[in-house]
Amino acid sequence: MPDSDDTVPADAPDCVTVNARTGSGAILSANFTYVASHGSGWRLEIHGDEGTLVATSGGPPMVAPNRIEGARLDEERLSELVTLEHLITVPPEVRHDSSFHPAHIYQRLAQAIN
């Protein structure tokens, strides 16, 4: 709980693991947990035929800042990927706070409705 040392007992499964094969034949393995002690935040890794993408966040990815790194197979290490300015379509006043991601979602929803 934000700004509190209180603990709340977990009363639902706090870990889910999914192993699957996608329609294109790729193998998927995912582990989701939200109540882990000493958790490292959110992390998504995608390993493909041409390289790797890794997205990380110190908190929930929809509200905390995200870092995206990638590398092609012939590159030695991951490098941070920058967001292209033309892809940021929300007003400047929400670019550096927790409403950044929800603002994009609501904006795209409004565009889809119109």
Protein backbone atom coordinates (compact mmCIF):
# COMPACT_ATOMS: atom_id res chain seq x y z
CA MET A 1 0.00 0.00 0.00
CA PRO A 2 1.50 3.37 -0.99
CA ASP A 3 3.06 5.43 1.80
CA SER A 4 2.34 2.74 4.38
CA ASP A 5 4.20 0.01 6.20
CA ASP A 6 0.96 -1.99 6.55
CA THR A 7 0.78 -5.42 5.01
CA VAL A 8 -2.29 -7.05 3.52
CA PRO A 9 -2.54 -10.83 3.40
CA ALA A 10 -2.75 -12.31 -0.10
CA ASP A 11 -6.14 -14.00 -0.46
CA ALA A 12 -5.87 -15.02 -4.11
CA PRO A 13 -3.27 -16.82 -6.22
CA ASP A 14 -0.35 -14.44 -6.59
CA CYS A 15 1.60 -16.33 -9.23
CA VAL A 16 0.50 -17.64 -12.61
CA THR A 17 2.76 -19.41 -15.10
CA VAL A 18 1.75 -19.87 -18.73
CA ASN A 19 3.52 -22.09 -21.27
CA ALA A 20 2.06 -22.19 -24.77
CA ARG A 21 2.76 -22.34 -28.47
CA THR A 22 1.43 -19.43 -30.55
CA GLY A 23 -0.43 -19.80 -33.84
CA SER A 24 2.82 -19.14 -35.73
CA GLY A 25 4.62 -21.88 -33.79
CA ALA A 26 6.61 -19.67 -31.40
CA ILE A 27 7.02 -20.96 -27.86
CA LEU A 28 5.66 -18.68 -25.12
CA SER A 29 6.60 -18.85 -21.45
CA ALA A 30 5.29 -16.23 -19.02
CA ASN A 31 5.34 -15.88 -15.25
CA PHE A 32 3.14 -13.29 -13.54
CA THR A 33 3.38 -12.38 -9.86
CA TYR A 34 2.35 -9.27 -7.95
CA VAL A 35 2.88 -10.14 -4.30
CA ALA A 36 6.48 -11.38 -4.43
CA SER A 37 8.72 -10.21 -1.62
CA HIS A 38 11.70 -8.26 -2.91
CA GLY A 39 10.32 -8.29 -6.44
CA SER A 40 12.38 -6.61 -9.13
CA GLY A 41 9.49 -4.77 -10.77
CA TRP A 42 8.00 -5.58 -14.14
CA ARG A 43 10.00 -7.23 -16.93
CA LEU A 44 9.10 -8.48 -20.40
CA GLU A 45 11.64 -10.29 -22.55
CA ILE A 46 11.04 -11.23 -26.17
CA HIS A 47 13.61 -13.47 -27.85
CA GLY A 48 13.19 -13.99 -31.59
CA ASP A 49 14.95 -15.12 -34.75
CA GLU A 50 16.47 -11.68 -35.32
CA GLY A 51 17.22 -10.48 -31.81
CA THR A 52 15.94 -9.61 -28.34
CA LEU A 53 13.72 -6.91 -26.84
CA VAL A 54 13.57 -6.28 -23.09
CA ALA A 55 11.13 -3.90 -21.41
CA THR A 56 11.48 -3.14 -17.69
CA SER A 57 9.77 -0.94 -15.14
CA GLY A 58 10.24 -0.39 -11.42
CA GLY A 59 6.49 -0.71 -10.93
CA PRO A 60 3.33 -1.47 -12.88
CA PRO A 61 4.15 -0.78 -16.55
CA MET A 62 0.95 1.18 -17.12
CA VAL A 63 1.88 3.86 -14.57
CA ALA A 64 5.63 3.67 -13.93
CA PRO A 65 8.31 4.76 -16.43
CA ASN A 66 9.42 2.02 -18.80
CA ARG A 67 12.84 1.28 -20.25
CA ILE A 68 13.10 -0.61 -23.53
CA GLU A 69 16.34 -2.20 -24.72
CA GLY A 70 17.06 -4.28 -27.77
CA ALA A 71 19.78 -5.96 -29.81
CA ARG A 72 19.98 -7.81 -33.09
CA LEU A 73 21.62 -11.25 -33.07
CA ASP A 74 24.93 -9.87 -34.37
CA GLU A 75 25.14 -7.19 -31.66
CA GLU A 76 27.11 -7.91 -28.50
CA ARG A 77 24.79 -6.30 -25.92
CA LEU A 78 21.39 -4.68 -25.48
CA SER A 79 21.13 -0.92 -26.08
CA GLU A 80 18.40 1.39 -24.86
CA LEU A 81 15.85 2.19 -27.54
CA VAL A 82 14.48 5.70 -27.59
CA THR A 83 10.84 6.54 -28.20
CA LEU A 84 10.39 8.38 -31.46
CA GLU A 85 8.80 11.76 -30.78
CA HIS A 86 6.16 11.31 -33.49
CA LEU A 87 4.78 8.31 -31.57
CA ILE A 88 4.11 10.42 -28.45
CA THR A 89 0.72 11.96 -29.07
CA VAL A 90 -0.35 13.09 -25.60
CA PRO A 91 0.08 16.64 -24.27
CA PRO A 92 3.51 17.58 -22.83
CA GLU A 93 2.14 18.04 -19.30
CA VAL A 94 1.46 14.29 -18.95
CA ARG A 95 4.67 13.00 -20.50
CA HIS A 96 6.53 12.53 -17.21
CA ASP A 97 3.89 11.38 -14.76
CA SER A 98 1.75 8.33 -14.10
CA SER A 99 -1.00 9.43 -16.51
CA PHE A 100 1.28 9.07 -19.57
CA HIS A 101 0.27 5.49 -20.51
CA PRO A 102 -3.44 5.77 -19.63
CA ALA A 103 -3.59 9.04 -21.63
CA HIS A 104 -2.37 7.18 -24.73
CA ILE A 105 -4.93 4.41 -24.18
CA TYR A 106 -7.85 6.83 -23.75
CA GLN A 107 -6.70 8.87 -26.73
CA ARG A 108 -6.60 5.79 -28.97
CA LEU A 109 -9.97 4.62 -27.65
CA ALA A 110 -11.50 8.00 -28.51
CA GLN A 111 -10.00 7.83 -32.01
CA ALA A 112 -11.36 4.32 -32.52
CA ILE A 113 -14.86 5.39 -31.48
CA ASN A 114 -14.93 8.34 -33.87
